[in-house]
Amino acid sequence: MNSYPMTMGRGGPEGFRPFITDTIVSDEVLSESGLEIAKASYRDLIIQAGENVHRDGLVKTPERAAKAWDFLTSGYETDPAELLRAAVFEEDFDSMVLVKDIEFYSLCEHHLLPFFGKVHVAYIPDGKIVGLSKIPRAVDALARRLQVQERLTKQVAELIQETLRPKGVAVAADASHMCMMMRGVEKQSSTTATTYFTGSFEGDPKMQERFFSSLKGSGR
């Protein structure tokens, strides 16, 4: 079963609402008043911080922040599998395809603070390849949601495996987490590395080493 919700609209897939738990709100209400709800919420947060929401620098901040939130969570409106399926081609090529240093920005679902870094994706085709620009687009669609790095890494790998049916997929991600840098342990130089393998990469140290060797010289 897919571990990435493929949604069209902020309500999530049918029967699934990622944000709403105690109150049931229709998709129509969400689409019409979502911006106003977000603006009111940001206004309340500013007041809670002890600030004056009427001073010049803050008058339009709730609206700006609401629009930024809309963009940062825009991945819920995109079906990443459909992005890939739109550019799948038959090709007699069975060597590793690597797209590395894909920059991404996401929001930690635990503290709603950003985490950001790079994703490296490799796959061994089995009669089909995908347009190279579609992989970064799919990464963006999955990253622009409330996430954790471990899940994001797995979702990217499983998405490619399920959509292309290659012989194997390898994904590595390296990221800095503001929830560790700005609060908590406050370790500004720490980064987190995650990997996920499927098919011919899974359980094969030689294939994994080939993947990691190909990343040398990248931002990893």
N, C-alpha and C. Protein backbone atom coordinates (compact mmCIF):
# COMPACT_ATOMS: atom_id res chain seq x y z
N MET A 1 0.84 -1.19 0.00
CA MET A 1 0.00 0.00 0.00
C MET A 1 0.88 1.24 0.00
N ASN A 2 0.51 2.26 -0.80
CA ASN A 2 1.30 3.47 -0.89
C ASN A 2 1.41 4.15 0.46
N SER A 3 2.60 4.63 0.79
CA SER A 3 2.78 5.36 2.03
C SER A 3 2.75 6.86 1.78
N TYR A 4 2.51 7.26 0.53
CA TYR A 4 2.39 8.68 0.22
C TYR A 4 0.99 8.95 -0.26
N PRO A 5 0.24 9.84 0.42
CA PRO A 5 -1.11 10.16 -0.05
C PRO A 5 -1.03 10.92 -1.36
N MET A 6 -1.73 10.43 -2.38
CA MET A 6 -1.74 11.11 -3.66
C MET A 6 -3.02 11.92 -3.73
N THR A 7 -2.91 13.22 -3.49
CA THR A 7 -4.10 14.02 -3.29
C THR A 7 -4.31 15.01 -4.40
N MET A 8 -5.54 15.42 -4.56
CA MET A 8 -5.89 16.51 -5.45
C MET A 8 -6.79 17.44 -4.63
N GLY A 9 -6.19 18.41 -3.96
CA GLY A 9 -6.96 19.29 -3.09
C GLY A 9 -6.57 19.10 -1.64
N ARG A 10 -6.76 20.12 -0.84
CA ARG A 10 -6.27 20.10 0.52
C ARG A 10 -7.02 19.13 1.42
N GLY A 11 -8.16 18.63 0.99
CA GLY A 11 -8.88 17.69 1.82
C GLY A 11 -8.21 16.35 1.90
N GLY A 12 -7.20 16.10 1.03
CA GLY A 12 -6.51 14.81 1.01
C GLY A 12 -7.28 13.82 0.17
N PRO A 13 -6.79 12.58 0.07
CA PRO A 13 -7.48 11.58 -0.70
C PRO A 13 -8.82 11.26 -0.07
N GLU A 14 -9.67 10.61 -0.82
CA GLU A 14 -11.02 10.33 -0.36
C GLU A 14 -10.98 9.62 1.00
N GLY A 15 -11.69 10.17 1.95
CA GLY A 15 -11.75 9.56 3.26
C GLY A 15 -10.58 9.86 4.16
N PHE A 16 -9.65 10.72 3.71
CA PHE A 16 -8.46 11.01 4.50
C PHE A 16 -8.29 12.51 4.64
N ARG A 17 -8.19 12.99 5.87
CA ARG A 17 -7.96 14.39 6.13
C ARG A 17 -6.72 14.52 7.00
N PRO A 18 -5.60 14.98 6.42
CA PRO A 18 -4.34 14.98 7.16
C PRO A 18 -4.29 15.94 8.33
N PHE A 19 -5.09 17.00 8.32
CA PHE A 19 -4.99 18.00 9.37
C PHE A 19 -6.18 17.98 10.33
N ILE A 20 -7.38 17.69 9.83
CA ILE A 20 -8.58 17.85 10.63
C ILE A 20 -8.88 16.58 11.40
N THR A 21 -8.96 16.68 12.71
CA THR A 21 -9.21 15.49 13.51
C THR A 21 -10.49 15.61 14.34
N ASP A 22 -10.67 16.74 15.01
CA ASP A 22 -11.80 16.89 15.90
C ASP A 22 -13.02 17.51 15.21
N THR A 23 -12.78 18.27 14.15
CA THR A 23 -13.85 18.97 13.47
C THR A 23 -13.90 18.55 12.02
N ILE A 24 -15.08 18.20 11.54
CA ILE A 24 -15.23 17.82 10.14
C ILE A 24 -15.58 19.07 9.35
N VAL A 25 -14.75 19.38 8.36
CA VAL A 25 -14.96 20.54 7.52
C VAL A 25 -14.98 20.08 6.07
N SER A 26 -15.94 20.55 5.30
CA SER A 26 -16.05 20.10 3.91
C SER A 26 -14.93 20.66 3.08
N ASP A 27 -14.61 19.97 1.97
CA ASP A 27 -13.58 20.44 1.05
C ASP A 27 -13.95 21.82 0.50
N GLU A 28 -15.26 22.04 0.27
CA GLU A 28 -15.71 23.32 -0.27
C GLU A 28 -15.39 24.45 0.70
N VAL A 29 -15.67 24.21 1.99
CA VAL A 29 -15.36 25.24 2.99
C VAL A 29 -13.87 25.48 3.06
N LEU A 30 -13.08 24.39 2.99
CA LEU A 30 -11.63 24.54 3.04
C LEU A 30 -11.13 25.39 1.89
N SER A 31 -11.63 25.14 0.68
CA SER A 31 -11.14 25.85 -0.50
C SER A 31 -11.55 27.32 -0.48
N GLU A 32 -12.75 27.62 0.07
CA GLU A 32 -13.25 28.98 0.05
C GLU A 32 -12.70 29.83 1.19
N SER A 33 -12.52 29.23 2.33
CA SER A 33 -12.15 30.03 3.50
C SER A 33 -10.80 29.67 4.09
N GLY A 34 -10.06 28.78 3.43
CA GLY A 34 -8.78 28.34 3.97
C GLY A 34 -7.82 29.47 4.24
N LEU A 35 -7.74 30.41 3.30
CA LEU A 35 -6.83 31.54 3.47
C LEU A 35 -7.24 32.40 4.65
N GLU A 36 -8.55 32.64 4.81
CA GLU A 36 -9.02 33.46 5.92
C GLU A 36 -8.77 32.78 7.26
N ILE A 37 -8.96 31.45 7.29
CA ILE A 37 -8.70 30.70 8.52
C ILE A 37 -7.23 30.81 8.90
N ALA A 38 -6.36 30.65 7.90
CA ALA A 38 -4.92 30.74 8.16
C ALA A 38 -4.53 32.14 8.61
N LYS A 39 -5.10 33.16 7.99
CA LYS A 39 -4.81 34.54 8.37
C LYS A 39 -5.20 34.79 9.83
N ALA A 40 -6.38 34.32 10.21
CA ALA A 40 -6.84 34.52 11.59
C ALA A 40 -5.93 33.78 12.58
N SER A 41 -5.48 32.60 12.18
CA SER A 41 -4.60 31.82 13.06
C SER A 41 -3.27 32.53 13.25
N TYR A 42 -2.70 33.04 12.17
CA TYR A 42 -1.42 33.75 12.29
C TYR A 42 -1.60 35.04 13.10
N ARG A 43 -2.72 35.70 12.93
CA ARG A 43 -2.99 36.91 13.71
C ARG A 43 -3.01 36.57 15.20
N ASP A 44 -3.65 35.46 15.55
CA ASP A 44 -3.70 35.04 16.96
C ASP A 44 -2.31 34.73 17.50
N LEU A 45 -1.48 34.09 16.67
CA LEU A 45 -0.12 33.77 17.10
C LEU A 45 0.69 35.03 17.37
N ILE A 46 0.52 36.02 16.52
CA ILE A 46 1.25 37.28 16.71
C ILE A 46 0.82 37.96 18.01
N ILE A 47 -0.47 37.95 18.26
CA ILE A 47 -0.98 38.53 19.51
C ILE A 47 -0.45 37.75 20.71
N GLN A 48 -0.44 36.42 20.59
CA GLN A 48 0.05 35.59 21.69
C GLN A 48 1.51 35.89 21.99
N ALA A 49 2.28 36.26 20.98
CA ALA A 49 3.69 36.59 21.19
C ALA A 49 3.88 37.91 21.91
N GLY A 50 2.79 38.67 22.06
CA GLY A 50 2.87 39.94 22.75
C GLY A 50 3.05 41.14 21.83
N GLU A 51 2.82 40.91 20.53
CA GLU A 51 3.01 41.98 19.56
C GLU A 51 1.71 42.70 19.25
N ASN A 52 1.87 43.84 18.59
CA ASN A 52 0.73 44.65 18.17
C ASN A 52 0.46 44.39 16.69
N VAL A 53 -0.62 43.70 16.39
CA VAL A 53 -0.91 43.33 15.00
C VAL A 53 -1.29 44.54 14.15
N HIS A 54 -1.46 45.69 14.76
CA HIS A 54 -1.87 46.89 14.02
C HIS A 54 -0.69 47.78 13.62
N ARG A 55 0.51 47.46 14.10
CA ARG A 55 1.63 48.32 13.71
C ARG A 55 2.02 48.03 12.27
N ASP A 56 2.68 48.99 11.64
CA ASP A 56 2.92 48.96 10.20
C ASP A 56 3.57 47.66 9.73
N GLY A 57 4.59 47.21 10.44
CA GLY A 57 5.33 46.04 9.98
C GLY A 57 4.55 44.74 10.06
N LEU A 58 3.45 44.73 10.84
CA LEU A 58 2.70 43.50 11.05
C LEU A 58 1.29 43.50 10.48
N VAL A 59 0.83 44.62 9.97
CA VAL A 59 -0.55 44.70 9.49
C VAL A 59 -0.85 43.64 8.44
N LYS A 60 0.05 43.44 7.51
CA LYS A 60 -0.19 42.48 6.43
C LYS A 60 0.51 41.14 6.64
N THR A 61 1.17 41.00 7.79
CA THR A 61 1.90 39.75 8.05
C THR A 61 0.99 38.52 8.08
N PRO A 62 -0.19 38.55 8.70
CA PRO A 62 -1.04 37.36 8.67
C PRO A 62 -1.37 36.89 7.25
N GLU A 63 -1.65 37.83 6.36
CA GLU A 63 -1.95 37.46 4.97
C GLU A 63 -0.73 36.90 4.27
N ARG A 64 0.42 37.55 4.47
CA ARG A 64 1.65 37.06 3.83
C ARG A 64 2.00 35.67 4.34
N ALA A 65 1.88 35.47 5.66
CA ALA A 65 2.22 34.17 6.25
C ALA A 65 1.25 33.10 5.76
N ALA A 66 -0.03 33.44 5.63
CA ALA A 66 -1.02 32.48 5.14
C ALA A 66 -0.71 32.05 3.71
N LYS A 67 -0.31 32.98 2.89
CA LYS A 67 0.04 32.65 1.50
C LYS A 67 1.32 31.80 1.45
N ALA A 68 2.26 32.09 2.34
CA ALA A 68 3.48 31.29 2.40
C ALA A 68 3.14 29.86 2.83
N TRP A 69 2.27 29.73 3.83
CA TRP A 69 1.84 28.40 4.29
C TRP A 69 1.17 27.64 3.14
N ASP A 70 0.35 28.33 2.37
CA ASP A 70 -0.33 27.71 1.23
C ASP A 70 0.69 27.14 0.25
N PHE A 71 1.76 27.88 -0.01
CA PHE A 71 2.79 27.41 -0.92
C PHE A 71 3.59 26.26 -0.32
N LEU A 72 3.95 26.38 0.95
CA LEU A 72 4.79 25.37 1.59
C LEU A 72 4.08 24.03 1.77
N THR A 73 2.76 24.03 1.72
CA THR A 73 1.99 22.79 1.83
C THR A 73 1.27 22.45 0.53
N SER A 74 1.73 23.03 -0.57
CA SER A 74 1.06 22.84 -1.86
C SER A 74 1.22 21.43 -2.42
N GLY A 75 2.09 20.63 -1.83
CA GLY A 75 2.27 19.26 -2.32
C GLY A 75 1.04 18.40 -2.19
N TYR A 76 0.12 18.77 -1.29
CA TYR A 76 -1.10 17.99 -1.13
C TYR A 76 -2.00 18.09 -2.37
N GLU A 77 -1.76 19.07 -3.20
CA GLU A 77 -2.59 19.27 -4.39
C GLU A 77 -2.05 18.53 -5.61
N THR A 78 -0.92 17.86 -5.46
CA THR A 78 -0.26 17.23 -6.59
C THR A 78 -0.15 15.73 -6.40
N ASP A 79 -0.46 14.98 -7.44
CA ASP A 79 -0.30 13.54 -7.45
C ASP A 79 1.09 13.23 -8.01
N PRO A 80 2.05 12.86 -7.16
CA PRO A 80 3.42 12.64 -7.66
C PRO A 80 3.52 11.48 -8.64
N ALA A 81 2.69 10.46 -8.48
CA ALA A 81 2.72 9.34 -9.43
C ALA A 81 2.27 9.79 -10.80
N GLU A 82 1.27 10.68 -10.85
CA GLU A 82 0.80 11.19 -12.14
C GLU A 82 1.89 12.01 -12.82
N LEU A 83 2.67 12.74 -12.02
CA LEU A 83 3.80 13.49 -12.59
C LEU A 83 4.75 12.56 -13.33
N LEU A 84 5.08 11.43 -12.70
CA LEU A 84 6.00 10.49 -13.33
C LEU A 84 5.37 9.81 -14.54
N ARG A 85 4.12 9.37 -14.39
CA ARG A 85 3.46 8.64 -15.48
C ARG A 85 3.33 9.48 -16.75
N ALA A 86 3.35 10.81 -16.60
CA ALA A 86 3.21 11.69 -17.76
C ALA A 86 4.44 11.68 -18.65
N ALA A 87 5.54 11.11 -18.16
CA ALA A 87 6.78 11.13 -18.96
C ALA A 87 7.55 9.83 -18.83
N VAL A 88 6.85 8.70 -18.95
CA VAL A 88 7.49 7.38 -18.94
C VAL A 88 7.66 6.90 -20.37
N PHE A 89 8.87 6.45 -20.69
CA PHE A 89 9.18 6.03 -22.06
C PHE A 89 9.82 4.64 -22.05
N GLU A 90 9.50 3.87 -23.05
CA GLU A 90 10.15 2.58 -23.20
C GLU A 90 11.55 2.80 -23.76
N GLU A 91 12.53 2.15 -23.14
CA GLU A 91 13.92 2.32 -23.56
C GLU A 91 14.73 1.10 -23.14
N ASP A 92 15.55 0.60 -24.06
CA ASP A 92 16.40 -0.55 -23.78
C ASP A 92 17.68 -0.06 -23.10
N PHE A 93 17.58 0.20 -21.81
CA PHE A 93 18.71 0.72 -21.03
C PHE A 93 18.61 0.10 -19.65
N ASP A 94 19.67 -0.56 -19.21
CA ASP A 94 19.59 -1.26 -17.93
C ASP A 94 20.74 -0.95 -16.99
N SER A 95 21.36 0.22 -17.18
CA SER A 95 22.40 0.68 -16.26
C SER A 95 21.82 1.72 -15.33
N MET A 96 22.55 2.07 -14.30
CA MET A 96 22.02 2.97 -13.28
C MET A 96 21.79 4.37 -13.82
N VAL A 97 20.63 4.93 -13.50
CA VAL A 97 20.30 6.32 -13.79
C VAL A 97 20.31 7.06 -12.46
N LEU A 98 21.09 8.12 -12.37
CA LEU A 98 21.25 8.84 -11.11
C LEU A 98 20.91 10.32 -11.30
N VAL A 99 20.01 10.81 -10.48
CA VAL A 99 19.73 12.25 -10.41
C VAL A 99 20.11 12.68 -9.00
N LYS A 100 21.16 13.48 -8.88
CA LYS A 100 21.65 13.82 -7.55
C LYS A 100 21.55 15.31 -7.28
N ASP A 101 21.73 15.65 -6.01
CA ASP A 101 21.70 17.04 -5.56
C ASP A 101 20.38 17.73 -5.87
N ILE A 102 19.28 17.02 -5.65
CA ILE A 102 17.95 17.62 -5.80
C ILE A 102 17.64 18.39 -4.52
N GLU A 103 17.61 19.69 -4.60
CA GLU A 103 17.32 20.50 -3.42
C GLU A 103 15.86 20.37 -3.03
N PHE A 104 15.60 20.31 -1.74
CA PHE A 104 14.22 20.26 -1.29
C PHE A 104 14.06 21.07 0.00
N TYR A 105 12.83 21.51 0.22
CA TYR A 105 12.47 22.24 1.44
C TYR A 105 11.15 21.66 1.93
N SER A 106 11.09 21.36 3.21
CA SER A 106 9.89 20.76 3.76
C SER A 106 9.63 21.31 5.15
N LEU A 107 8.50 20.90 5.74
CA LEU A 107 8.13 21.31 7.09
C LEU A 107 8.05 20.09 7.99
N CYS A 108 8.77 20.14 9.10
CA CYS A 108 8.72 19.06 10.08
C CYS A 108 7.33 19.02 10.70
N GLU A 109 6.70 17.87 10.67
CA GLU A 109 5.34 17.77 11.19
C GLU A 109 5.27 17.84 12.71
N HIS A 110 6.41 17.72 13.38
CA HIS A 110 6.40 17.75 14.84
C HIS A 110 6.41 19.17 15.41
N HIS A 111 7.10 20.09 14.72
CA HIS A 111 7.21 21.45 15.23
C HIS A 111 6.83 22.51 14.20
N LEU A 112 6.48 22.08 12.98
CA LEU A 112 6.13 23.00 11.89
C LEU A 112 7.28 23.95 11.57
N LEU A 113 8.50 23.47 11.76
CA LEU A 113 9.68 24.24 11.39
C LEU A 113 10.31 23.60 10.15
N PRO A 114 11.03 24.39 9.35
CA PRO A 114 11.58 23.85 8.11
C PRO A 114 12.69 22.85 8.34
N PHE A 115 12.80 21.89 7.42
CA PHE A 115 14.03 21.13 7.24
C PHE A 115 14.30 21.10 5.74
N PHE A 116 15.57 21.11 5.40
CA PHE A 116 15.92 21.30 3.99
C PHE A 116 17.26 20.63 3.69
N GLY A 117 17.46 20.28 2.46
CA GLY A 117 18.71 19.63 2.08
C GLY A 117 18.68 19.16 0.65
N LYS A 118 19.26 17.97 0.42
CA LYS A 118 19.35 17.42 -0.93
C LYS A 118 18.96 15.95 -0.93
N VAL A 119 18.32 15.56 -2.02
CA VAL A 119 17.95 14.16 -2.23
C VAL A 119 18.70 13.66 -3.46
N HIS A 120 19.17 12.42 -3.38
CA HIS A 120 19.85 11.77 -4.50
C HIS A 120 19.06 10.50 -4.84
N VAL A 121 18.70 10.36 -6.11
CA VAL A 121 17.84 9.26 -6.54
C VAL A 121 18.50 8.48 -7.68
N ALA A 122 18.55 7.17 -7.52
CA ALA A 122 19.07 6.31 -8.58
C ALA A 122 18.10 5.15 -8.81
N TYR A 123 18.02 4.69 -10.05
CA TYR A 123 17.22 3.50 -10.34
C TYR A 123 17.84 2.73 -11.49
N ILE A 124 17.57 1.44 -11.53
CA ILE A 124 18.02 0.57 -12.62
C ILE A 124 16.81 0.26 -13.48
N PRO A 125 16.74 0.81 -14.69
CA PRO A 125 15.55 0.62 -15.53
C PRO A 125 15.34 -0.85 -15.90
N ASP A 126 14.08 -1.17 -16.14
CA ASP A 126 13.70 -2.49 -16.62
C ASP A 126 12.77 -2.30 -17.82
N GLY A 127 13.33 -1.66 -18.85
CA GLY A 127 12.55 -1.42 -20.07
C GLY A 127 11.87 -0.08 -20.11
N LYS A 128 11.90 0.70 -19.01
CA LYS A 128 11.25 2.00 -18.99
C LYS A 128 12.12 3.01 -18.25
N ILE A 129 12.13 4.23 -18.78
CA ILE A 129 12.81 5.34 -18.13
C ILE A 129 11.79 6.47 -17.95
N VAL A 130 12.16 7.46 -17.15
CA VAL A 130 11.26 8.60 -16.92
C VAL A 130 12.01 9.88 -17.24
N GLY A 131 11.30 10.88 -17.73
CA GLY A 131 11.91 12.18 -17.99
C GLY A 131 12.60 12.70 -16.74
N LEU A 132 13.85 13.12 -16.90
CA LEU A 132 14.67 13.44 -15.72
C LEU A 132 14.09 14.57 -14.87
N SER A 133 13.43 15.53 -15.48
CA SER A 133 12.89 16.65 -14.69
C SER A 133 11.72 16.22 -13.81
N LYS A 134 11.12 15.07 -14.13
CA LYS A 134 9.96 14.64 -13.36
C LYS A 134 10.34 14.15 -11.96
N ILE A 135 11.56 13.64 -11.81
CA ILE A 135 11.97 13.16 -10.49
C ILE A 135 12.08 14.32 -9.50
N PRO A 136 12.76 15.43 -9.84
CA PRO A 136 12.76 16.56 -8.90
C PRO A 136 11.36 17.12 -8.64
N ARG A 137 10.50 17.11 -9.66
CA ARG A 137 9.14 17.60 -9.46
C ARG A 137 8.39 16.72 -8.47
N ALA A 138 8.59 15.41 -8.59
CA ALA A 138 7.94 14.48 -7.67
C ALA A 138 8.47 14.66 -6.25
N VAL A 139 9.78 14.89 -6.13
CA VAL A 139 10.37 15.16 -4.81
C VAL A 139 9.73 16.40 -4.19
N ASP A 140 9.56 17.45 -4.98
CA ASP A 140 8.93 18.67 -4.48
C ASP A 140 7.50 18.40 -4.01
N ALA A 141 6.76 17.61 -4.78
CA ALA A 141 5.36 17.32 -4.43
C ALA A 141 5.27 16.59 -3.09
N LEU A 142 6.23 15.73 -2.81
CA LEU A 142 6.23 14.99 -1.55
C LEU A 142 6.82 15.82 -0.40
N ALA A 143 7.75 16.72 -0.73
CA ALA A 143 8.40 17.52 0.31
C ALA A 143 7.50 18.65 0.79
N ARG A 144 6.67 19.19 -0.09
CA ARG A 144 5.83 20.33 0.29
C ARG A 144 4.57 19.86 0.99
N ARG A 145 4.78 19.12 2.05
CA ARG A 145 3.74 18.61 2.91
C ARG A 145 4.31 18.60 4.33
N LEU A 146 3.51 18.29 5.30
CA LEU A 146 4.04 18.09 6.65
C LEU A 146 4.72 16.73 6.65
N GLN A 147 6.01 16.70 6.96
CA GLN A 147 6.82 15.52 6.71
C GLN A 147 7.77 15.22 7.86
N VAL A 148 8.37 14.04 7.78
CA VAL A 148 9.60 13.71 8.49
C VAL A 148 10.55 13.17 7.43
N GLN A 149 11.83 13.36 7.65
CA GLN A 149 12.80 13.01 6.62
C GLN A 149 12.78 11.52 6.29
N GLU A 150 12.61 10.70 7.32
CA GLU A 150 12.61 9.25 7.10
C GLU A 150 11.48 8.84 6.14
N ARG A 151 10.29 9.39 6.37
CA ARG A 151 9.16 9.05 5.52
C ARG A 151 9.36 9.59 4.11
N LEU A 152 9.85 10.81 3.99
CA LEU A 152 10.08 11.41 2.68
C LEU A 152 11.03 10.56 1.84
N THR A 153 12.10 10.09 2.47
CA THR A 153 13.07 9.25 1.75
C THR A 153 12.42 7.97 1.24
N LYS A 154 11.64 7.34 2.10
CA LYS A 154 10.95 6.10 1.72
C LYS A 154 9.90 6.36 0.65
N GLN A 155 9.16 7.45 0.77
CA GLN A 155 8.12 7.75 -0.20
C GLN A 155 8.69 7.96 -1.60
N VAL A 156 9.81 8.66 -1.70
CA VAL A 156 10.42 8.90 -3.01
C VAL A 156 10.81 7.57 -3.64
N ALA A 157 11.44 6.69 -2.87
CA ALA A 157 11.87 5.40 -3.39
C ALA A 157 10.68 4.54 -3.81
N GLU A 158 9.67 4.46 -2.96
CA GLU A 158 8.51 3.62 -3.28
C GLU A 158 7.71 4.18 -4.44
N LEU A 159 7.66 5.50 -4.55
CA LEU A 159 6.96 6.12 -5.68
C LEU A 159 7.57 5.68 -7.00
N ILE A 160 8.89 5.76 -7.11
CA ILE A 160 9.57 5.38 -8.35
C ILE A 160 9.44 3.88 -8.59
N GLN A 161 9.57 3.09 -7.53
CA GLN A 161 9.46 1.64 -7.67
C GLN A 161 8.06 1.24 -8.17
N GLU A 162 7.04 1.83 -7.61
CA GLU A 162 5.67 1.45 -7.95
C GLU A 162 5.24 1.99 -9.31
N THR A 163 5.80 3.14 -9.70
CA THR A 163 5.37 3.77 -10.95
C THR A 163 6.14 3.23 -12.16
N LEU A 164 7.46 3.09 -12.03
CA LEU A 164 8.29 2.64 -13.15
C LEU A 164 8.51 1.13 -13.18
N ARG A 165 8.39 0.48 -12.02
CA ARG A 165 8.72 -0.94 -11.90
C ARG A 165 10.14 -1.22 -12.38
N PRO A 166 11.13 -0.47 -11.89
CA PRO A 166 12.52 -0.72 -12.27
C PRO A 166 13.06 -1.94 -11.52
N LYS A 167 14.30 -2.30 -11.83
CA LYS A 167 14.93 -3.42 -11.13
C LYS A 167 15.27 -3.05 -9.69
N GLY A 168 15.46 -1.78 -9.44
CA GLY A 168 15.76 -1.34 -8.07
C GLY A 168 15.86 0.17 -7.99
N VAL A 169 15.67 0.69 -6.79
CA VAL A 169 15.74 2.14 -6.54
C VAL A 169 16.59 2.38 -5.31
N ALA A 170 17.40 3.43 -5.35
CA ALA A 170 18.18 3.87 -4.19
C ALA A 170 17.93 5.36 -3.98
N VAL A 171 17.64 5.73 -2.75
CA VAL A 171 17.42 7.14 -2.42
C VAL A 171 18.21 7.48 -1.16
N ALA A 172 18.90 8.60 -1.21
CA ALA A 172 19.61 9.11 -0.03
C ALA A 172 19.23 10.57 0.15
N ALA A 173 19.05 10.98 1.38
CA ALA A 173 18.72 12.37 1.68
C ALA A 173 19.59 12.88 2.81
N ASP A 174 20.02 14.10 2.69
CA ASP A 174 20.79 14.78 3.73
C ASP A 174 20.13 16.11 4.01
N ALA A 175 19.84 16.40 5.27
CA ALA A 175 19.09 17.61 5.57
C ALA A 175 19.49 18.23 6.90
N SER A 176 19.25 19.53 6.97
CA SER A 176 19.40 20.29 8.21
C SER A 176 18.00 20.58 8.73
N HIS A 177 17.82 20.44 10.04
CA HIS A 177 16.51 20.58 10.65
C HIS A 177 16.49 21.77 11.60
N MET A 178 15.64 22.74 11.29
CA MET A 178 15.57 23.93 12.13
C MET A 178 15.06 23.62 13.53
N CYS A 179 14.32 22.52 13.69
CA CYS A 179 13.85 22.17 15.03
C CYS A 179 15.00 21.72 15.93
N MET A 180 16.13 21.33 15.32
CA MET A 180 17.34 21.02 16.09
C MET A 180 18.27 22.23 16.18
N MET A 181 18.20 23.11 15.20
CA MET A 181 19.14 24.23 15.13
C MET A 181 18.67 25.45 15.92
N MET A 182 17.35 25.70 15.90
CA MET A 182 16.82 26.92 16.51
C MET A 182 16.29 26.69 17.92
N ARG A 183 15.99 25.44 18.26
CA ARG A 183 15.39 25.13 19.56
C ARG A 183 15.97 23.81 20.05
N GLY A 184 15.49 23.34 21.18
CA GLY A 184 15.94 22.04 21.67
C GLY A 184 17.43 22.01 21.93
N VAL A 185 18.13 21.10 21.26
CA VAL A 185 19.57 20.94 21.49
C VAL A 185 20.39 22.05 20.87
N GLU A 186 19.81 22.81 19.92
CA GLU A 186 20.47 23.95 19.28
C GLU A 186 21.84 23.58 18.72
N LYS A 187 21.88 22.54 17.91
CA LYS A 187 23.11 22.11 17.26
C LYS A 187 23.08 22.58 15.80
N GLN A 188 23.71 23.73 15.55
CA GLN A 188 23.60 24.37 14.25
C GLN A 188 24.33 23.63 13.12
N SER A 189 25.30 22.81 13.45
CA SER A 189 26.10 22.15 12.41
C SER A 189 25.67 20.72 12.13
N SER A 190 24.71 20.21 12.87
CA SER A 190 24.33 18.81 12.69
C SER A 190 23.43 18.64 11.47
N THR A 191 23.60 17.52 10.78
CA THR A 191 22.74 17.16 9.66
C THR A 191 22.27 15.73 9.86
N THR A 192 21.24 15.36 9.13
CA THR A 192 20.67 14.02 9.23
C THR A 192 20.72 13.36 7.86
N ALA A 193 21.19 12.11 7.83
CA ALA A 193 21.26 11.35 6.58
C ALA A 193 20.32 10.15 6.66
N THR A 194 19.54 9.93 5.61
CA THR A 194 18.65 8.79 5.54
C THR A 194 18.79 8.12 4.18
N THR A 195 18.57 6.81 4.14
CA THR A 195 18.64 6.06 2.88
C THR A 195 17.48 5.07 2.82
N TYR A 196 17.13 4.69 1.60
CA TYR A 196 16.11 3.65 1.41
C TYR A 196 16.39 2.96 0.07
N PHE A 197 16.32 1.63 0.10
CA PHE A 197 16.63 0.83 -1.09
C PHE A 197 15.49 -0.12 -1.40
N THR A 198 15.30 -0.38 -2.69
CA THR A 198 14.35 -1.40 -3.12
C THR A 198 15.01 -2.27 -4.18
N GLY A 199 14.42 -3.42 -4.43
CA GLY A 199 14.85 -4.29 -5.52
C GLY A 199 16.30 -4.66 -5.47
N SER A 200 17.01 -4.46 -6.59
CA SER A 200 18.40 -4.90 -6.72
C SER A 200 19.35 -4.15 -5.80
N PHE A 201 18.95 -3.00 -5.27
CA PHE A 201 19.79 -2.27 -4.31
C PHE A 201 19.63 -2.83 -2.89
N GLU A 202 18.47 -3.38 -2.61
CA GLU A 202 18.17 -3.82 -1.25
C GLU A 202 18.96 -5.08 -0.91
N GLY A 203 19.72 -5.02 0.16
CA GLY A 203 20.47 -6.19 0.62
C GLY A 203 21.68 -6.54 -0.21
N ASP A 204 22.07 -5.64 -1.13
CA ASP A 204 23.25 -5.90 -1.97
C ASP A 204 24.29 -4.81 -1.69
N PRO A 205 25.27 -5.08 -0.84
CA PRO A 205 26.28 -4.08 -0.47
C PRO A 205 27.03 -3.52 -1.68
N LYS A 206 27.28 -4.36 -2.70
CA LYS A 206 28.01 -3.88 -3.87
C LYS A 206 27.21 -2.84 -4.64
N MET A 207 25.91 -3.08 -4.80
CA MET A 207 25.06 -2.11 -5.49
C MET A 207 24.95 -0.82 -4.68
N GLN A 208 24.85 -0.97 -3.38
CA GLN A 208 24.76 0.22 -2.54
C GLN A 208 26.06 1.02 -2.59
N GLU A 209 27.20 0.32 -2.58
CA GLU A 209 28.48 1.00 -2.68
C GLU A 209 28.62 1.71 -4.02
N ARG A 210 28.12 1.10 -5.07
CA ARG A 210 28.14 1.73 -6.39
C ARG A 210 27.34 3.03 -6.36
N PHE A 211 26.21 2.99 -5.69
CA PHE A 211 25.38 4.18 -5.56
C PHE A 211 26.11 5.28 -4.78
N PHE A 212 26.66 4.92 -3.62
CA PHE A 212 27.33 5.92 -2.80
C PHE A 212 28.59 6.46 -3.49
N SER A 213 29.28 5.60 -4.23
CA SER A 213 30.47 6.06 -4.95
C SER A 213 30.10 7.10 -6.01
N SER A 214 28.93 6.94 -6.60
CA SER A 214 28.47 7.87 -7.62
C SER A 214 28.12 9.22 -7.03
N LEU A 215 27.94 9.29 -5.72
CA LEU A 215 27.58 10.55 -5.07
C LEU A 215 28.79 11.36 -4.67
N LYS A 216 29.97 10.79 -4.78
CA LYS A 216 31.18 11.51 -4.40
C LYS A 216 31.32 12.77 -5.25
N GLY A 217 31.62 13.85 -4.60
CA GLY A 217 31.73 15.12 -5.30
C GLY A 217 30.43 15.90 -5.31
N SER A 218 29.35 15.27 -4.80
CA SER A 218 28.08 15.99 -4.69
C SER A 218 28.07 16.75 -3.38
N GLY A 219 26.94 17.40 -3.10
CA GLY A 219 26.80 18.16 -1.85
C GLY A 219 26.52 17.28 -0.67
N ARG A 220 26.59 15.96 -0.85
CA ARG A 220 26.26 15.04 0.23
C ARG A 220 27.32 15.07 1.32
